Amino acid sequence: MVALGNPGSAYAKTRHNAGFMVGDALAQRWEMPRFHRSGPALVTHGSVAGLTVLLVKPQTYMNLSGRAIRPLLREPGFAPDSDLLVLVDDKALPLGSFRLRAQGSAGGHRGLESVEEALGSRDYARLRIGVGPLPDDVDDWSDFVLAPFRPDELTVIEDLLPTLGEAVECWLDEGIHTAMNRFNRRGIAE
């Protein structure tokens, strides 16, 4: 599992780091050891429902996230289409919503473009975490996603973390299609 974001305290609570936030919450939920440096990423691992889970937070900055995925491709038996879930922010989804996808385009997200380049494929699951919509008075979406969440927005994300944990555990246990069927309706804010 790979959580996308930007390293450093300056980015810690920004919209673009929603993936890191979910990754940190999952590591805590599963009582994994502290993250440690491994090549171009911070990693931790543990057992979740009898499965060995590796949680990766690239330290390459968002646009080069694929560099931290390349070492996974050398692992025996690793199949991105079934073994990889990418946790990523999505400015097109409303704050407080999420979508699981089995595959698809990067949709202009540079982090996902880097992942696709590293994998040579769009066939990998992703959990898209809503951080939008882009306000009408904002001309540059990069300014929007690199800005910190307001306190009320951060509360929305924090309140969503238990449901995201359930969705990821469903993916681990039953696969992406079952997780999509079970959680995508619940993941869209009304």
N, C-alpha and C. Protein backbone atom coordinates (compact mmCIF):
# COMPACT_ATOMS: atom_id res chain seq x y z
N MET A 1 0.85 -1.15 0.00
CA MET A 1 0.00 0.00 0.00
C MET A 1 0.90 1.23 0.00
N VAL A 2 0.59 2.20 -0.85
CA VAL A 2 1.41 3.39 -0.98
C VAL A 2 0.55 4.62 -0.74
N ALA A 3 0.94 5.42 0.25
CA ALA A 3 0.24 6.67 0.57
C ALA A 3 1.02 7.81 -0.07
N LEU A 4 0.35 8.63 -0.87
CA LEU A 4 1.03 9.72 -1.56
C LEU A 4 0.94 11.02 -0.77
N GLY A 5 2.00 11.80 -0.85
CA GLY A 5 2.05 13.10 -0.20
C GLY A 5 3.43 13.72 -0.41
N ASN A 6 3.65 14.81 0.29
CA ASN A 6 4.93 15.51 0.24
C ASN A 6 5.59 15.43 1.62
N PRO A 7 6.90 15.17 1.67
CA PRO A 7 7.57 15.09 2.97
C PRO A 7 7.76 16.47 3.59
N GLY A 8 7.92 16.48 4.91
CA GLY A 8 8.25 17.70 5.62
C GLY A 8 7.07 18.32 6.34
N SER A 9 7.38 19.00 7.42
CA SER A 9 6.32 19.59 8.26
C SER A 9 5.55 20.69 7.55
N ALA A 10 6.16 21.35 6.58
CA ALA A 10 5.47 22.42 5.86
C ALA A 10 4.26 21.90 5.09
N TYR A 11 4.27 20.61 4.74
CA TYR A 11 3.17 20.02 3.97
C TYR A 11 2.25 19.12 4.79
N ALA A 12 2.56 18.95 6.05
CA ALA A 12 1.91 17.91 6.86
C ALA A 12 0.39 17.95 6.82
N LYS A 13 -0.23 19.09 6.91
CA LYS A 13 -1.70 19.17 6.97
C LYS A 13 -2.29 19.81 5.72
N THR A 14 -1.59 19.67 4.58
CA THR A 14 -2.11 20.21 3.33
C THR A 14 -3.03 19.21 2.65
N ARG A 15 -3.86 19.70 1.76
CA ARG A 15 -4.80 18.84 1.03
C ARG A 15 -4.06 17.76 0.24
N HIS A 16 -2.90 18.11 -0.30
CA HIS A 16 -2.13 17.16 -1.11
C HIS A 16 -1.58 16.00 -0.26
N ASN A 17 -1.62 16.15 1.06
CA ASN A 17 -1.11 15.11 1.94
C ASN A 17 -2.21 14.26 2.56
N ALA A 18 -3.39 14.29 1.98
CA ALA A 18 -4.48 13.45 2.49
C ALA A 18 -4.08 11.97 2.47
N GLY A 19 -3.33 11.55 1.46
CA GLY A 19 -2.86 10.16 1.39
C GLY A 19 -1.97 9.81 2.56
N PHE A 20 -1.02 10.70 2.88
CA PHE A 20 -0.15 10.49 4.04
C PHE A 20 -0.97 10.40 5.32
N MET A 21 -1.97 11.28 5.45
CA MET A 21 -2.80 11.29 6.66
C MET A 21 -3.51 9.95 6.84
N VAL A 22 -4.05 9.43 5.76
CA VAL A 22 -4.73 8.14 5.84
C VAL A 22 -3.72 7.03 6.12
N GLY A 23 -2.55 7.07 5.48
CA GLY A 23 -1.51 6.08 5.75
C GLY A 23 -1.09 6.08 7.21
N ASP A 24 -0.91 7.27 7.78
CA ASP A 24 -0.55 7.37 9.20
C ASP A 24 -1.66 6.80 10.09
N ALA A 25 -2.91 7.10 9.75
CA ALA A 25 -4.03 6.59 10.54
C ALA A 25 -4.13 5.08 10.46
N LEU A 26 -3.85 4.51 9.29
CA LEU A 26 -3.88 3.05 9.14
C LEU A 26 -2.76 2.41 9.96
N ALA A 27 -1.57 2.98 9.92
CA ALA A 27 -0.45 2.44 10.70
C ALA A 27 -0.80 2.43 12.18
N GLN A 28 -1.45 3.48 12.63
CA GLN A 28 -1.86 3.56 14.04
C GLN A 28 -2.98 2.55 14.33
N ARG A 29 -3.96 2.48 13.44
CA ARG A 29 -5.08 1.55 13.61
C ARG A 29 -4.59 0.11 13.73
N TRP A 30 -3.58 -0.23 12.93
CA TRP A 30 -3.05 -1.59 12.88
C TRP A 30 -1.87 -1.80 13.83
N GLU A 31 -1.56 -0.77 14.64
CA GLU A 31 -0.49 -0.84 15.62
C GLU A 31 0.84 -1.29 15.01
N MET A 32 1.16 -0.71 13.87
CA MET A 32 2.41 -1.01 13.18
C MET A 32 3.56 -0.25 13.86
N PRO A 33 4.79 -0.74 13.69
CA PRO A 33 5.94 0.00 14.23
C PRO A 33 6.07 1.37 13.57
N ARG A 34 6.89 2.22 14.16
CA ARG A 34 7.14 3.54 13.57
C ARG A 34 7.67 3.39 12.14
N PHE A 35 7.36 4.35 11.30
CA PHE A 35 7.92 4.37 9.95
C PHE A 35 9.43 4.54 10.05
N HIS A 36 10.15 3.87 9.14
CA HIS A 36 11.60 4.03 9.07
C HIS A 36 11.99 4.21 7.61
N ARG A 37 13.16 4.77 7.40
CA ARG A 37 13.64 5.06 6.05
C ARG A 37 14.05 3.77 5.36
N SER A 38 13.62 3.63 4.12
CA SER A 38 14.04 2.53 3.25
C SER A 38 14.13 3.09 1.84
N GLY A 39 15.33 3.38 1.40
CA GLY A 39 15.50 3.98 0.08
C GLY A 39 14.77 5.31 -0.02
N PRO A 40 13.97 5.49 -1.08
CA PRO A 40 13.31 6.78 -1.27
C PRO A 40 11.96 6.90 -0.54
N ALA A 41 11.78 6.13 0.53
CA ALA A 41 10.48 6.13 1.21
C ALA A 41 10.63 5.88 2.70
N LEU A 42 9.58 6.21 3.42
CA LEU A 42 9.40 5.75 4.79
C LEU A 42 8.47 4.56 4.72
N VAL A 43 8.78 3.50 5.45
CA VAL A 43 7.98 2.28 5.39
C VAL A 43 7.71 1.75 6.79
N THR A 44 6.63 1.01 6.89
CA THR A 44 6.34 0.22 8.07
C THR A 44 5.59 -1.01 7.58
N HIS A 45 5.53 -2.02 8.39
CA HIS A 45 4.82 -3.22 7.98
C HIS A 45 4.28 -3.92 9.20
N GLY A 46 3.32 -4.79 8.95
CA GLY A 46 2.72 -5.56 10.03
C GLY A 46 1.74 -6.56 9.47
N SER A 47 1.03 -7.18 10.36
CA SER A 47 0.04 -8.19 9.97
C SER A 47 -1.35 -7.61 10.20
N VAL A 48 -2.18 -7.73 9.18
CA VAL A 48 -3.56 -7.26 9.26
C VAL A 48 -4.44 -8.42 8.82
N ALA A 49 -5.24 -8.93 9.73
CA ALA A 49 -6.13 -10.06 9.44
C ALA A 49 -5.36 -11.21 8.80
N GLY A 50 -4.16 -11.49 9.31
CA GLY A 50 -3.37 -12.61 8.82
C GLY A 50 -2.58 -12.33 7.56
N LEU A 51 -2.66 -11.11 7.02
CA LEU A 51 -1.92 -10.75 5.82
C LEU A 51 -0.77 -9.83 6.19
N THR A 52 0.38 -10.01 5.53
CA THR A 52 1.49 -9.10 5.73
C THR A 52 1.24 -7.86 4.88
N VAL A 53 1.28 -6.70 5.53
CA VAL A 53 1.00 -5.44 4.83
C VAL A 53 2.21 -4.53 4.95
N LEU A 54 2.66 -4.00 3.82
CA LEU A 54 3.73 -3.01 3.76
C LEU A 54 3.08 -1.68 3.44
N LEU A 55 3.36 -0.68 4.26
CA LEU A 55 2.82 0.66 4.06
C LEU A 55 3.98 1.59 3.72
N VAL A 56 3.89 2.25 2.57
CA VAL A 56 4.98 3.06 2.01
C VAL A 56 4.54 4.51 1.89
N LYS A 57 5.39 5.42 2.35
CA LYS A 57 5.17 6.86 2.16
C LYS A 57 6.38 7.41 1.40
N PRO A 58 6.26 7.62 0.07
CA PRO A 58 7.38 8.14 -0.70
C PRO A 58 7.88 9.47 -0.13
N GLN A 59 9.18 9.65 -0.13
CA GLN A 59 9.80 10.89 0.34
C GLN A 59 10.40 11.66 -0.84
N THR A 60 9.89 11.41 -2.02
CA THR A 60 10.41 11.97 -3.26
C THR A 60 9.67 13.22 -3.71
N TYR A 61 8.69 13.66 -2.95
CA TYR A 61 7.72 14.67 -3.32
C TYR A 61 6.74 14.04 -4.31
N MET A 62 5.55 14.59 -4.30
CA MET A 62 4.41 14.00 -5.00
C MET A 62 4.72 13.64 -6.46
N ASN A 63 5.31 14.57 -7.19
CA ASN A 63 5.47 14.38 -8.64
C ASN A 63 6.44 13.27 -9.02
N LEU A 64 7.20 12.75 -8.05
CA LEU A 64 8.15 11.68 -8.32
C LEU A 64 7.84 10.42 -7.50
N SER A 65 6.59 10.27 -7.09
CA SER A 65 6.19 9.16 -6.21
C SER A 65 6.53 7.79 -6.78
N GLY A 66 6.52 7.65 -8.08
CA GLY A 66 6.80 6.37 -8.71
C GLY A 66 8.17 5.81 -8.37
N ARG A 67 9.11 6.69 -8.06
CA ARG A 67 10.47 6.22 -7.70
C ARG A 67 10.44 5.33 -6.47
N ALA A 68 9.50 5.60 -5.56
CA ALA A 68 9.41 4.80 -4.34
C ALA A 68 8.67 3.49 -4.56
N ILE A 69 8.00 3.37 -5.70
CA ILE A 69 7.27 2.14 -6.02
C ILE A 69 8.15 1.15 -6.77
N ARG A 70 9.13 1.63 -7.48
CA ARG A 70 9.99 0.74 -8.28
C ARG A 70 10.58 -0.42 -7.48
N PRO A 71 11.05 -0.20 -6.23
CA PRO A 71 11.58 -1.35 -5.47
C PRO A 71 10.54 -2.45 -5.24
N LEU A 72 9.27 -2.09 -5.15
CA LEU A 72 8.22 -3.11 -4.96
C LEU A 72 8.15 -4.05 -6.16
N LEU A 73 8.46 -3.54 -7.34
CA LEU A 73 8.38 -4.34 -8.55
C LEU A 73 9.40 -5.47 -8.57
N ARG A 74 10.42 -5.35 -7.75
CA ARG A 74 11.45 -6.41 -7.67
C ARG A 74 11.09 -7.49 -6.66
N GLU A 75 10.03 -7.28 -5.90
CA GLU A 75 9.62 -8.27 -4.89
C GLU A 75 8.99 -9.48 -5.58
N PRO A 76 9.42 -10.69 -5.25
CA PRO A 76 8.85 -11.89 -5.87
C PRO A 76 7.34 -11.98 -5.62
N GLY A 77 6.61 -12.21 -6.68
CA GLY A 77 5.18 -12.41 -6.58
C GLY A 77 4.35 -11.14 -6.50
N PHE A 78 5.00 -9.97 -6.48
CA PHE A 78 4.24 -8.72 -6.38
C PHE A 78 3.52 -8.46 -7.69
N ALA A 79 2.20 -8.29 -7.61
CA ALA A 79 1.37 -8.01 -8.79
C ALA A 79 0.60 -6.71 -8.53
N PRO A 80 0.97 -5.60 -9.18
CA PRO A 80 0.34 -4.32 -8.90
C PRO A 80 -1.19 -4.33 -9.04
N ASP A 81 -1.71 -5.10 -9.99
CA ASP A 81 -3.16 -5.09 -10.19
C ASP A 81 -3.94 -5.70 -9.03
N SER A 82 -3.29 -6.49 -8.18
CA SER A 82 -3.99 -7.08 -7.03
C SER A 82 -3.34 -6.75 -5.69
N ASP A 83 -2.06 -6.36 -5.68
CA ASP A 83 -1.33 -6.18 -4.43
C ASP A 83 -1.09 -4.71 -4.05
N LEU A 84 -1.46 -3.79 -4.92
CA LEU A 84 -1.15 -2.38 -4.68
C LEU A 84 -2.43 -1.57 -4.53
N LEU A 85 -2.48 -0.77 -3.47
CA LEU A 85 -3.52 0.23 -3.28
C LEU A 85 -2.81 1.55 -3.03
N VAL A 86 -3.14 2.56 -3.84
CA VAL A 86 -2.54 3.88 -3.70
C VAL A 86 -3.55 4.79 -3.01
N LEU A 87 -3.13 5.44 -1.94
CA LEU A 87 -3.96 6.38 -1.18
C LEU A 87 -3.61 7.78 -1.66
N VAL A 88 -4.59 8.51 -2.20
CA VAL A 88 -4.26 9.76 -2.89
C VAL A 88 -5.39 10.78 -2.73
N ASP A 89 -5.00 12.06 -2.66
CA ASP A 89 -5.98 13.15 -2.64
C ASP A 89 -6.62 13.31 -4.01
N ASP A 90 -7.85 13.85 -4.02
CA ASP A 90 -8.54 14.11 -5.29
C ASP A 90 -9.33 15.41 -5.16
N LYS A 91 -8.89 16.44 -5.90
CA LYS A 91 -9.54 17.75 -5.84
C LYS A 91 -10.90 17.76 -6.53
N ALA A 92 -11.18 16.75 -7.36
CA ALA A 92 -12.46 16.69 -8.06
C ALA A 92 -13.58 16.11 -7.19
N LEU A 93 -13.21 15.46 -6.08
CA LEU A 93 -14.21 14.90 -5.17
C LEU A 93 -14.43 15.85 -4.00
N PRO A 94 -15.67 15.99 -3.55
CA PRO A 94 -15.93 16.88 -2.42
C PRO A 94 -15.25 16.39 -1.14
N LEU A 95 -14.85 17.33 -0.33
CA LEU A 95 -14.29 17.03 0.97
C LEU A 95 -15.25 16.14 1.75
N GLY A 96 -14.72 15.10 2.38
CA GLY A 96 -15.55 14.18 3.15
C GLY A 96 -16.05 13.01 2.34
N SER A 97 -15.64 12.93 1.08
CA SER A 97 -16.04 11.80 0.23
C SER A 97 -14.80 11.05 -0.22
N PHE A 98 -15.03 9.87 -0.78
CA PHE A 98 -13.92 9.07 -1.30
C PHE A 98 -14.46 8.11 -2.35
N ARG A 99 -13.57 7.60 -3.18
CA ARG A 99 -13.92 6.61 -4.20
C ARG A 99 -12.79 5.60 -4.30
N LEU A 100 -13.16 4.35 -4.35
CA LEU A 100 -12.21 3.27 -4.67
C LEU A 100 -12.30 3.02 -6.16
N ARG A 101 -11.17 2.80 -6.80
CA ARG A 101 -11.12 2.49 -8.22
C ARG A 101 -10.15 1.33 -8.44
N ALA A 102 -10.52 0.44 -9.35
CA ALA A 102 -9.66 -0.71 -9.66
C ALA A 102 -8.55 -0.33 -10.64
N GLN A 103 -8.79 0.71 -11.41
CA GLN A 103 -7.84 1.17 -12.43
C GLN A 103 -8.35 2.48 -12.97
N GLY A 104 -7.64 3.07 -13.89
CA GLY A 104 -8.11 4.30 -14.52
C GLY A 104 -6.98 5.26 -14.80
N SER A 105 -7.36 6.42 -15.29
CA SER A 105 -6.35 7.42 -15.64
C SER A 105 -5.92 8.19 -14.40
N ALA A 106 -4.84 8.92 -14.56
CA ALA A 106 -4.33 9.75 -13.47
C ALA A 106 -5.19 11.00 -13.27
N GLY A 107 -5.97 11.35 -14.27
CA GLY A 107 -6.84 12.52 -14.16
C GLY A 107 -6.07 13.81 -13.92
N GLY A 108 -4.84 13.90 -14.42
CA GLY A 108 -4.04 15.10 -14.24
C GLY A 108 -3.29 15.16 -12.92
N HIS A 109 -3.41 14.14 -12.10
CA HIS A 109 -2.71 14.11 -10.81
C HIS A 109 -1.27 13.65 -11.07
N ARG A 110 -0.31 14.51 -10.80
CA ARG A 110 1.08 14.21 -11.11
C ARG A 110 1.62 13.03 -10.32
N GLY A 111 1.17 12.85 -9.09
CA GLY A 111 1.61 11.70 -8.30
C GLY A 111 1.18 10.40 -8.94
N LEU A 112 -0.08 10.34 -9.39
CA LEU A 112 -0.57 9.14 -10.06
C LEU A 112 0.11 8.95 -11.41
N GLU A 113 0.42 10.04 -12.10
CA GLU A 113 1.15 9.92 -13.37
C GLU A 113 2.51 9.27 -13.13
N SER A 114 3.17 9.64 -12.05
CA SER A 114 4.47 9.06 -11.73
C SER A 114 4.34 7.58 -11.38
N VAL A 115 3.28 7.23 -10.66
CA VAL A 115 3.02 5.82 -10.33
C VAL A 115 2.81 5.02 -11.61
N GLU A 116 1.98 5.55 -12.52
CA GLU A 116 1.72 4.86 -13.78
C GLU A 116 2.99 4.68 -14.60
N GLU A 117 3.82 5.70 -14.61
CA GLU A 117 5.08 5.61 -15.35
C GLU A 117 5.96 4.51 -14.78
N ALA A 118 6.04 4.44 -13.46
CA ALA A 118 6.88 3.42 -12.80
C ALA A 118 6.35 2.02 -13.07
N LEU A 119 5.02 1.88 -13.03
CA LEU A 119 4.41 0.56 -13.23
C LEU A 119 4.30 0.18 -14.70
N GLY A 120 4.25 1.18 -15.57
CA GLY A 120 3.99 0.92 -16.98
C GLY A 120 2.56 0.48 -17.21
N SER A 121 1.66 0.89 -16.31
CA SER A 121 0.28 0.43 -16.38
C SER A 121 -0.62 1.33 -15.54
N ARG A 122 -1.90 1.34 -15.90
CA ARG A 122 -2.94 2.01 -15.11
C ARG A 122 -3.73 1.00 -14.27
N ASP A 123 -3.31 -0.25 -14.31
CA ASP A 123 -4.03 -1.33 -13.63
C ASP A 123 -3.52 -1.51 -12.20
N TYR A 124 -3.96 -0.64 -11.33
CA TYR A 124 -3.68 -0.73 -9.90
C TYR A 124 -4.82 -0.01 -9.18
N ALA A 125 -5.12 -0.48 -8.00
CA ALA A 125 -6.22 0.11 -7.23
C ALA A 125 -5.79 1.41 -6.58
N ARG A 126 -6.77 2.29 -6.42
CA ARG A 126 -6.49 3.53 -5.73
C ARG A 126 -7.69 3.92 -4.88
N LEU A 127 -7.40 4.56 -3.77
CA LEU A 127 -8.42 5.13 -2.89
C LEU A 127 -8.27 6.63 -3.01
N ARG A 128 -9.23 7.25 -3.70
CA ARG A 128 -9.21 8.68 -3.95
C ARG A 128 -9.95 9.40 -2.82
N ILE A 129 -9.28 10.28 -2.13
CA ILE A 129 -9.80 10.97 -0.96
C ILE A 129 -10.17 12.39 -1.34
N GLY A 130 -11.44 12.74 -1.22
CA GLY A 130 -11.92 14.05 -1.64
C GLY A 130 -11.36 15.19 -0.82
N VAL A 131 -10.80 16.19 -1.51
CA VAL A 131 -10.30 17.40 -0.85
C VAL A 131 -10.89 18.65 -1.50
N GLY A 132 -11.82 18.48 -2.44
CA GLY A 132 -12.39 19.59 -3.19
C GLY A 132 -13.73 20.01 -2.63
N PRO A 133 -14.46 20.73 -3.44
CA PRO A 133 -14.11 21.18 -4.79
C PRO A 133 -13.24 22.43 -4.77
N LEU A 134 -12.64 22.68 -5.90
CA LEU A 134 -11.83 23.87 -6.08
C LEU A 134 -12.75 25.08 -5.98
N PRO A 135 -12.49 26.02 -5.06
CA PRO A 135 -13.34 27.21 -4.94
C PRO A 135 -13.30 28.05 -6.22
N ASP A 136 -14.39 28.75 -6.48
CA ASP A 136 -14.49 29.58 -7.69
C ASP A 136 -13.45 30.68 -7.75
N ASP A 137 -13.03 31.18 -6.58
CA ASP A 137 -12.09 32.30 -6.56
C ASP A 137 -10.62 31.87 -6.62
N VAL A 138 -10.36 30.57 -6.82
CA VAL A 138 -8.99 30.06 -6.92
C VAL A 138 -8.68 29.74 -8.38
N ASP A 139 -7.65 30.40 -8.91
CA ASP A 139 -7.27 30.18 -10.31
C ASP A 139 -6.29 29.03 -10.48
N ASP A 140 -5.46 28.80 -9.49
CA ASP A 140 -4.40 27.80 -9.61
C ASP A 140 -4.67 26.64 -8.66
N TRP A 141 -4.99 25.48 -9.20
CA TRP A 141 -5.32 24.33 -8.34
C TRP A 141 -4.14 23.90 -7.49
N SER A 142 -2.88 24.14 -7.96
CA SER A 142 -1.73 23.73 -7.15
C SER A 142 -1.67 24.54 -5.86
N ASP A 143 -2.04 25.83 -5.92
CA ASP A 143 -2.11 26.62 -4.69
C ASP A 143 -3.15 26.03 -3.73
N PHE A 144 -4.24 25.56 -4.28
CA PHE A 144 -5.31 24.99 -3.46
C PHE A 144 -4.87 23.70 -2.78
N VAL A 145 -4.29 22.76 -3.52
CA VAL A 145 -3.94 21.48 -2.90
C VAL A 145 -2.72 21.59 -1.99
N LEU A 146 -1.88 22.60 -2.18
CA LEU A 146 -0.72 22.78 -1.31
C LEU A 146 -1.03 23.66 -0.10
N ALA A 147 -2.25 24.15 -0.01
CA ALA A 147 -2.66 24.95 1.15
C ALA A 147 -3.12 24.02 2.27
N PRO A 148 -2.91 24.43 3.51
CA PRO A 148 -3.36 23.61 4.64
C PRO A 148 -4.89 23.53 4.70
N PHE A 149 -5.37 22.41 5.22
CA PHE A 149 -6.78 22.31 5.53
C PHE A 149 -7.12 23.35 6.59
N ARG A 150 -8.31 23.95 6.49
CA ARG A 150 -8.82 24.76 7.60
C ARG A 150 -9.17 23.79 8.74
N PRO A 151 -9.23 24.26 9.98
CA PRO A 151 -9.55 23.36 11.10
C PRO A 151 -10.85 22.58 10.91
N ASP A 152 -11.89 23.22 10.37
CA ASP A 152 -13.16 22.51 10.16
C ASP A 152 -13.02 21.45 9.07
N GLU A 153 -12.19 21.70 8.06
CA GLU A 153 -11.96 20.71 7.01
C GLU A 153 -11.16 19.53 7.55
N LEU A 154 -10.18 19.82 8.39
CA LEU A 154 -9.37 18.76 8.99
C LEU A 154 -10.24 17.84 9.84
N THR A 155 -11.22 18.40 10.53
CA THR A 155 -12.16 17.60 11.31
C THR A 155 -12.94 16.66 10.41
N VAL A 156 -13.33 17.12 9.23
CA VAL A 156 -14.06 16.27 8.27
C VAL A 156 -13.20 15.08 7.87
N ILE A 157 -11.93 15.34 7.56
CA ILE A 157 -11.01 14.25 7.19
C ILE A 157 -10.83 13.29 8.36
N GLU A 158 -10.60 13.82 9.55
CA GLU A 158 -10.39 12.96 10.72
C GLU A 158 -11.62 12.11 11.02
N ASP A 159 -12.81 12.67 10.82
CA ASP A 159 -14.05 11.91 11.05
C ASP A 159 -14.23 10.79 10.02
N LEU A 160 -13.61 10.95 8.85
CA LEU A 160 -13.73 9.96 7.77
C LEU A 160 -12.75 8.79 7.95
N LEU A 161 -11.71 8.97 8.75
CA LEU A 161 -10.65 7.96 8.86
C LEU A 161 -11.15 6.57 9.26
N PRO A 162 -12.06 6.40 10.22
CA PRO A 162 -12.52 5.04 10.54
C PRO A 162 -13.18 4.34 9.34
N THR A 163 -13.97 5.06 8.58
CA THR A 163 -14.61 4.47 7.40
C THR A 163 -13.58 4.11 6.35
N LEU A 164 -12.58 4.97 6.16
CA LEU A 164 -11.52 4.66 5.21
C LEU A 164 -10.76 3.41 5.66
N GLY A 165 -10.54 3.27 6.96
CA GLY A 165 -9.89 2.07 7.49
C GLY A 165 -10.70 0.82 7.17
N GLU A 166 -12.01 0.89 7.34
CA GLU A 166 -12.87 -0.25 7.00
C GLU A 166 -12.79 -0.58 5.52
N ALA A 167 -12.78 0.46 4.67
CA ALA A 167 -12.72 0.26 3.22
C ALA A 167 -11.41 -0.41 2.82
N VAL A 168 -10.30 0.03 3.40
CA VAL A 168 -8.99 -0.57 3.09
C VAL A 168 -8.94 -2.01 3.59
N GLU A 169 -9.47 -2.27 4.75
CA GLU A 169 -9.49 -3.64 5.27
C GLU A 169 -10.36 -4.55 4.40
N CYS A 170 -11.44 -4.01 3.85
CA CYS A 170 -12.26 -4.78 2.91
C CYS A 170 -11.45 -5.11 1.66
N TRP A 171 -10.71 -4.12 1.14
CA TRP A 171 -9.85 -4.36 -0.02
C TRP A 171 -8.84 -5.47 0.29
N LEU A 172 -8.22 -5.40 1.46
CA LEU A 172 -7.25 -6.42 1.83
C LEU A 172 -7.86 -7.81 1.89
N ASP A 173 -9.05 -7.90 2.48
CA ASP A 173 -9.69 -9.17 2.74
C ASP A 173 -10.45 -9.74 1.55
N GLU A 174 -11.11 -8.85 0.79
CA GLU A 174 -12.02 -9.32 -0.25
C GLU A 174 -11.75 -8.79 -1.65
N GLY A 175 -10.76 -7.90 -1.78
CA GLY A 175 -10.40 -7.39 -3.11
C GLY A 175 -11.09 -6.08 -3.45
N ILE A 176 -10.59 -5.46 -4.50
CA ILE A 176 -11.03 -4.12 -4.88
C ILE A 176 -12.49 -4.08 -5.33
N HIS A 177 -12.96 -5.06 -6.07
CA HIS A 177 -14.32 -4.99 -6.59
C HIS A 177 -15.35 -5.08 -5.47
N THR A 178 -15.13 -5.96 -4.50
CA THR A 178 -16.04 -6.04 -3.36
C THR A 178 -15.99 -4.75 -2.56
N ALA A 179 -14.78 -4.21 -2.35
CA ALA A 179 -14.64 -2.95 -1.61
C ALA A 179 -15.35 -1.82 -2.33
N MET A 180 -15.23 -1.76 -3.65
CA MET A 180 -15.92 -0.73 -4.43
C MET A 180 -17.43 -0.86 -4.25
N ASN A 181 -17.94 -2.08 -4.40
CA ASN A 181 -19.38 -2.29 -4.28
C ASN A 181 -19.90 -1.93 -2.89
N ARG A 182 -19.12 -2.23 -1.89
CA ARG A 182 -19.56 -2.00 -0.51
C ARG A 182 -19.40 -0.55 -0.07
N PHE A 183 -18.36 0.14 -0.54
CA PHE A 183 -18.05 1.45 0.03
C PHE A 183 -18.25 2.65 -0.88
N ASN A 184 -18.29 2.47 -2.20
CA ASN A 184 -18.36 3.66 -3.04
C ASN A 184 -19.66 4.44 -2.87
N ARG A 185 -20.76 3.80 -2.64
CA ARG A 185 -22.01 4.54 -2.38
C ARG A 185 -21.89 5.33 -1.09
N ARG A 186 -21.29 4.73 -0.08
CA ARG A 186 -21.12 5.41 1.20
C ARG A 186 -20.09 6.52 1.12
N GLY A 187 -19.18 6.41 0.15
CA GLY A 187 -18.07 7.36 0.08
C GLY A 187 -18.38 8.68 -0.56
N ILE A 188 -19.52 8.79 -1.24
CA ILE A 188 -19.86 10.04 -1.91
C ILE A 188 -20.73 10.89 -1.00
N ALA A 189 -20.25 12.10 -0.71
CA ALA A 189 -20.99 13.00 0.17
C ALA A 189 -22.30 13.40 -0.50
N GLU A 190 -23.32 13.45 0.28
CA GLU A 190 -24.66 13.82 -0.23
C GLU A 190 -24.76 15.32 -0.37
